[in-house]
Amino acid sequence: MVAPPARGSWVILLSFMLALMLTEIPMPEPMEWGRPQWTVLVLIYWVAALPHRVGPWYAWIVGLLLDILQGSLLGIHALSLALVAVLMKSLHQRFRMYPVWQQALLVLVLVGLYQLLLNWGQALGGAKSDSLLFLLPSLVSAFFWPWIFVLLRSIRRALKVS
């Protein structure tokens, strides 16, 4: 049996580009700590929806782009996103069966792990963080998950991305 051709690669790329742009939009200093991790949210959605197309290598490339954009230690975002993609790929069938509020709890854990890895990598690079405020984006990202999920799912279905 021949697999149908993949459709909608441009939608996946465009969603990641939009997530990277949202990541780089300047915010007031007090709100900077609560910035959702848009790139991780988009990655989690696409790995759950299309695990045969979006996986660790895709995450690695997006992570390298994020490293370059933010001027961070080269490879730290790439490694963190690739690990999230590997975990999500192993959980994607279960994840799809959960209601959205339970998915948000798993998103909280995955984004929290991403934040921990980033903080650890930045600490190895010489940056110090004395508080646990670096975990706040995982809570905010979990709050935004239902809207991201509904938006990306409706776009995927409308444009027949497979």
C-alpha atoms as a PDB file:
ATOM      1  CA  MET A   1       0.000   0.000   0.000  1.00  0.00           C
ATOM      2  CA  VAL A   2       1.321   3.418  -0.950  1.00  0.00           C
ATOM      3  CA  ALA A   3       1.175   6.176   1.654  1.00  0.00           C
ATOM      4  CA  PRO A   4      -0.566   9.374   0.576  1.00  0.00           C
ATOM      5  CA  PRO A   5       1.753  12.301  -0.118  1.00  0.00           C
ATOM      6  CA  ALA A   6       2.426  14.710   2.730  1.00  0.00           C
ATOM      7  CA  ARG A   7       0.429  17.907   2.446  1.00  0.00           C
ATOM      8  CA  GLY A   8       0.723  21.266   4.111  1.00  0.00           C
ATOM      9  CA  SER A   9       4.406  21.512   4.941  1.00  0.00           C
ATOM     10  CA  TRP A  10       4.124  25.249   4.491  1.00  0.00           C
ATOM     11  CA  VAL A  11       1.506  25.399   7.286  1.00  0.00           C
ATOM     12  CA  ILE A  12       3.847  23.682   9.730  1.00  0.00           C
ATOM     13  CA  LEU A  13       6.742  25.945   8.762  1.00  0.00           C
ATOM     14  CA  LEU A  14       4.583  29.056   8.958  1.00  0.00           C
ATOM     15  CA  SER A  15       3.304  28.115  12.422  1.00  0.00           C
ATOM     16  CA  PHE A  16       6.870  27.682  13.675  1.00  0.00           C
ATOM     17  CA  MET A  17       7.923  31.000  12.120  1.00  0.00           C
ATOM     18  CA  LEU A  18       4.992  32.727  13.804  1.00  0.00           C
ATOM     19  CA  ALA A  19       5.925  31.086  17.120  1.00  0.00           C
ATOM     20  CA  LEU A  20       9.528  32.283  16.742  1.00  0.00           C
ATOM     21  CA  MET A  21       8.281  35.805  16.016  1.00  0.00           C
ATOM     22  CA  LEU A  22       5.992  35.753  19.067  1.00  0.00           C
ATOM     23  CA  THR A  23       8.946  34.604  21.146  1.00  0.00           C
ATOM     24  CA  GLU A  24      10.972  37.641  20.086  1.00  0.00           C
ATOM     25  CA  ILE A  25       8.317  40.349  20.473  1.00  0.00           C
ATOM     26  CA  PRO A  26       9.510  42.788  23.149  1.00  0.00           C
ATOM     27  CA  MET A  27       7.464  42.846  26.341  1.00  0.00           C
ATOM     28  CA  PRO A  28       7.585  45.060  29.436  1.00  0.00           C
ATOM     29  CA  GLU A  29      10.140  43.833  31.965  1.00  0.00           C
ATOM     30  CA  PRO A  30       7.627  42.620  34.617  1.00  0.00           C
ATOM     31  CA  MET A  31       5.754  40.578  31.999  1.00  0.00           C
ATOM     32  CA  GLU A  32       8.896  39.052  30.487  1.00  0.00           C
ATOM     33  CA  TRP A  33       8.982  36.327  33.156  1.00  0.00           C
ATOM     34  CA  GLY A  34       5.486  35.169  32.178  1.00  0.00           C
ATOM     35  CA  ARG A  35       6.022  34.940  28.431  1.00  0.00           C
ATOM     36  CA  PRO A  36       4.455  31.728  27.077  1.00  0.00           C
ATOM     37  CA  GLN A  37       6.826  29.354  25.357  1.00  0.00           C
ATOM     38  CA  TRP A  38       5.164  29.620  21.950  1.00  0.00           C
ATOM     39  CA  THR A  39       7.734  27.491  20.160  1.00  0.00           C
ATOM     40  CA  VAL A  40       7.345  24.627  22.619  1.00  0.00           C
ATOM     41  CA  LEU A  41       3.550  24.818  22.409  1.00  0.00           C
ATOM     42  CA  VAL A  42       3.608  24.646  18.611  1.00  0.00           C
ATOM     43  CA  LEU A  43       6.127  21.798  18.731  1.00  0.00           C
ATOM     44  CA  ILE A  44       3.996  19.819  21.182  1.00  0.00           C
ATOM     45  CA  TYR A  45       0.939  20.250  18.973  1.00  0.00           C
ATOM     46  CA  TRP A  46       2.622  19.171  15.738  1.00  0.00           C
ATOM     47  CA  VAL A  47       4.399  16.201  17.311  1.00  0.00           C
ATOM     48  CA  ALA A  48       1.096  15.040  18.822  1.00  0.00           C
ATOM     49  CA  ALA A  49      -0.845  15.615  15.595  1.00  0.00           C
ATOM     50  CA  LEU A  50       1.727  14.453  13.029  1.00  0.00           C
ATOM     51  CA  PRO A  51       4.448  12.417  14.772  1.00  0.00           C
ATOM     52  CA  HIS A  52       5.534  10.889  11.445  1.00  0.00           C
ATOM     53  CA  ARG A  53       6.403  14.372  10.098  1.00  0.00           C
ATOM     54  CA  VAL A  54       7.505  16.483  13.072  1.00  0.00           C
ATOM     55  CA  GLY A  55       9.941  14.957  15.529  1.00  0.00           C
ATOM     56  CA  PRO A  56      13.291  15.433  17.243  1.00  0.00           C
ATOM     57  CA  TRP A  57      15.209  16.502  14.113  1.00  0.00           C
ATOM     58  CA  TYR A  58      12.612  19.113  13.293  1.00  0.00           C
ATOM     59  CA  ALA A  59      12.783  20.298  16.905  1.00  0.00           C
ATOM     60  CA  TRP A  60      16.575  20.421  16.742  1.00  0.00           C
ATOM     61  CA  ILE A  61      16.540  22.712  13.697  1.00  0.00           C
ATOM     62  CA  VAL A  62      13.900  25.002  15.226  1.00  0.00           C
ATOM     63  CA  GLY A  63      15.921  25.039  18.453  1.00  0.00           C
ATOM     64  CA  LEU A  64      19.062  26.104  16.592  1.00  0.00           C
ATOM     65  CA  LEU A  65      17.099  28.931  14.978  1.00  0.00           C
ATOM     66  CA  LEU A  66      15.885  29.956  18.435  1.00  0.00           C
ATOM     67  CA  ASP A  67      19.466  29.844  19.767  1.00  0.00           C
ATOM     68  CA  ILE A  68      20.589  32.141  16.970  1.00  0.00           C
ATOM     69  CA  LEU A  69      17.649  34.514  17.417  1.00  0.00           C
ATOM     70  CA  GLN A  70      18.149  34.835  21.171  1.00  0.00           C
ATOM     71  CA  GLY A  71      21.926  34.784  21.103  1.00  0.00           C
ATOM     72  CA  SER A  72      22.028  32.051  23.705  1.00  0.00           C
ATOM     73  CA  LEU A  73      24.481  29.218  24.185  1.00  0.00           C
ATOM     74  CA  LEU A  74      24.392  27.432  20.820  1.00  0.00           C
ATOM     75  CA  GLY A  75      22.527  24.150  21.100  1.00  0.00           C
ATOM     76  CA  ILE A  76      20.774  24.643  24.430  1.00  0.00           C
ATOM     77  CA  HIS A  77      17.346  25.374  22.922  1.00  0.00           C
ATOM     78  CA  ALA A  78      17.962  22.715  20.283  1.00  0.00           C
ATOM     79  CA  LEU A  79      18.734  20.053  22.882  1.00  0.00           C
ATOM     80  CA  SER A  80      15.813  21.066  25.078  1.00  0.00           C
ATOM     81  CA  LEU A  81      13.313  21.103  22.209  1.00  0.00           C
ATOM     82  CA  ALA A  82      14.602  17.787  20.870  1.00  0.00           C
ATOM     83  CA  LEU A  83      14.117  16.186  24.290  1.00  0.00           C
ATOM     84  CA  VAL A  84      10.565  17.559  24.489  1.00  0.00           C
ATOM     85  CA  ALA A  85       9.908  16.156  20.991  1.00  0.00           C
ATOM     86  CA  VAL A  86      11.251  12.723  21.956  1.00  0.00           C
ATOM     87  CA  LEU A  87       9.070  12.629  25.079  1.00  0.00           C
ATOM     88  CA  MET A  88       6.044  13.885  23.187  1.00  0.00           C
ATOM     89  CA  LYS A  89       6.574  11.368  20.391  1.00  0.00           C
ATOM     90  CA  SER A  90       6.587   8.543  22.928  1.00  0.00           C
ATOM     91  CA  LEU A  91       3.403   9.889  24.582  1.00  0.00           C
ATOM     92  CA  HIS A  92       1.481  11.126  21.529  1.00  0.00           C
ATOM     93  CA  GLN A  93      -1.114   8.333  21.390  1.00  0.00           C
ATOM     94  CA  ARG A  94      -2.005   8.721  25.053  1.00  0.00           C
ATOM     95  CA  PHE A  95      -1.864  12.502  24.801  1.00  0.00           C
ATOM     96  CA  ARG A  96      -4.467  12.536  22.022  1.00  0.00           C
ATOM     97  CA  MET A  97      -6.943  10.599  24.177  1.00  0.00           C
ATOM     98  CA  TYR A  98      -6.752  13.028  27.104  1.00  0.00           C
ATOM     99  CA  PRO A  99      -9.249  15.862  27.428  1.00  0.00           C
ATOM    100  CA  VAL A 100      -7.749  19.293  26.819  1.00  0.00           C
ATOM    101  CA  TRP A 101      -7.413  20.130  30.531  1.00  0.00           C
ATOM    102  CA  GLN A 102      -5.350  16.976  31.105  1.00  0.00           C
ATOM    103  CA  GLN A 103      -3.288  17.787  28.047  1.00  0.00           C
ATOM    104  CA  ALA A 104      -2.617  21.189  29.637  1.00  0.00           C
ATOM    105  CA  LEU A 105      -1.240  19.433  32.727  1.00  0.00           C
ATOM    106  CA  LEU A 106       1.149  17.404  30.576  1.00  0.00           C
ATOM    107  CA  VAL A 107       2.092  20.588  28.702  1.00  0.00           C
ATOM    108  CA  LEU A 108       2.874  22.146  32.103  1.00  0.00           C
ATOM    109  CA  VAL A 109       5.282  19.291  32.837  1.00  0.00           C
ATOM    110  CA  LEU A 110       6.907  19.304  29.376  1.00  0.00           C
ATOM    111  CA  VAL A 111       7.395  23.074  29.284  1.00  0.00           C
ATOM    112  CA  GLY A 112       8.644  22.942  32.883  1.00  0.00           C
ATOM    113  CA  LEU A 113      11.228  20.347  31.854  1.00  0.00           C
ATOM    114  CA  TYR A 114      12.193  22.559  28.911  1.00  0.00           C
ATOM    115  CA  GLN A 115      12.621  25.525  31.262  1.00  0.00           C
ATOM    116  CA  LEU A 116      14.704  23.458  33.689  1.00  0.00           C
ATOM    117  CA  LEU A 117      17.020  22.324  30.897  1.00  0.00           C
ATOM    118  CA  LEU A 118      17.382  25.905  29.638  1.00  0.00           C
ATOM    119  CA  ASN A 119      18.137  27.189  33.131  1.00  0.00           C
ATOM    120  CA  TRP A 120      20.668  24.424  33.679  1.00  0.00           C
ATOM    121  CA  GLY A 121      22.377  25.169  30.363  1.00  0.00           C
ATOM    122  CA  GLN A 122      22.470  28.889  31.093  1.00  0.00           C
ATOM    123  CA  ALA A 123      23.936  28.169  34.533  1.00  0.00           C
ATOM    124  CA  LEU A 124      26.686  26.149  32.861  1.00  0.00           C
ATOM    125  CA  GLY A 125      27.282  29.174  30.634  1.00  0.00           C
ATOM    126  CA  GLY A 126      27.709  31.455  33.645  1.00  0.00           C
ATOM    127  CA  ALA A 127      24.235  32.975  34.111  1.00  0.00           C
ATOM    128  CA  LYS A 128      22.725  32.792  37.592  1.00  0.00           C
ATOM    129  CA  SER A 129      19.081  32.453  38.582  1.00  0.00           C
ATOM    130  CA  ASP A 130      18.322  32.763  42.277  1.00  0.00           C
ATOM    131  CA  SER A 131      14.590  32.144  42.137  1.00  0.00           C
ATOM    132  CA  LEU A 132      12.136  29.723  40.633  1.00  0.00           C
ATOM    133  CA  LEU A 133      10.540  32.446  38.508  1.00  0.00           C
ATOM    134  CA  PHE A 134      12.063  30.787  35.451  1.00  0.00           C
ATOM    135  CA  LEU A 135       9.312  28.141  35.784  1.00  0.00           C
ATOM    136  CA  LEU A 136       6.487  30.697  35.442  1.00  0.00           C
ATOM    137  CA  PRO A 137       6.345  30.379  31.616  1.00  0.00           C
ATOM    138  CA  SER A 138       5.393  26.715  32.001  1.00  0.00           C
ATOM    139  CA  LEU A 139       2.306  27.704  33.981  1.00  0.00           C
ATOM    140  CA  VAL A 140       1.382  30.445  31.498  1.00  0.00           C
ATOM    141  CA  SER A 141       1.971  28.075  28.570  1.00  0.00           C
ATOM    142  CA  ALA A 142      -0.328  25.467  30.127  1.00  0.00           C
ATOM    143  CA  PHE A 143      -2.971  28.186  30.470  1.00  0.00           C
ATOM    144  CA  PHE A 144      -2.652  29.039  26.748  1.00  0.00           C
ATOM    145  CA  TRP A 145      -2.614  25.393  25.595  1.00  0.00           C
ATOM    146  CA  PRO A 146      -6.388  24.978  25.012  1.00  0.00           C
ATOM    147  CA  TRP A 147      -6.483  27.976  22.675  1.00  0.00           C
ATOM    148  CA  ILE A 148      -3.343  26.942  20.801  1.00  0.00           C
ATOM    149  CA  PHE A 149      -4.702  23.405  20.462  1.00  0.00           C
ATOM    150  CA  VAL A 150      -8.080  24.532  19.092  1.00  0.00           C
ATOM    151  CA  LEU A 151      -6.504  27.076  16.726  1.00  0.00           C
ATOM    152  CA  LEU A 152      -3.882  24.738  15.249  1.00  0.00           C
ATOM    153  CA  ARG A 153      -6.309  21.819  15.019  1.00  0.00           C
ATOM    154  CA  SER A 154      -8.856  23.904  13.107  1.00  0.00           C
ATOM    155  CA  ILE A 155      -6.129  25.177  10.742  1.00  0.00           C
ATOM    156  CA  ARG A 156      -4.832  21.632  10.231  1.00  0.00           C
ATOM    157  CA  ARG A 157      -8.289  20.299   9.442  1.00  0.00           C
ATOM    158  CA  ALA A 158      -9.320  23.220   7.232  1.00  0.00           C
ATOM    159  CA  LEU A 159      -6.147  23.021   5.135  1.00  0.00           C
ATOM    160  CA  LYS A 160      -6.031  19.209   5.246  1.00  0.00           C
ATOM    161  CA  VAL A 161      -2.459  19.066   6.565  1.00  0.00           C
ATOM    162  CA  SER A 162      -1.335  15.450   6.712  1.00  0.00           C
END
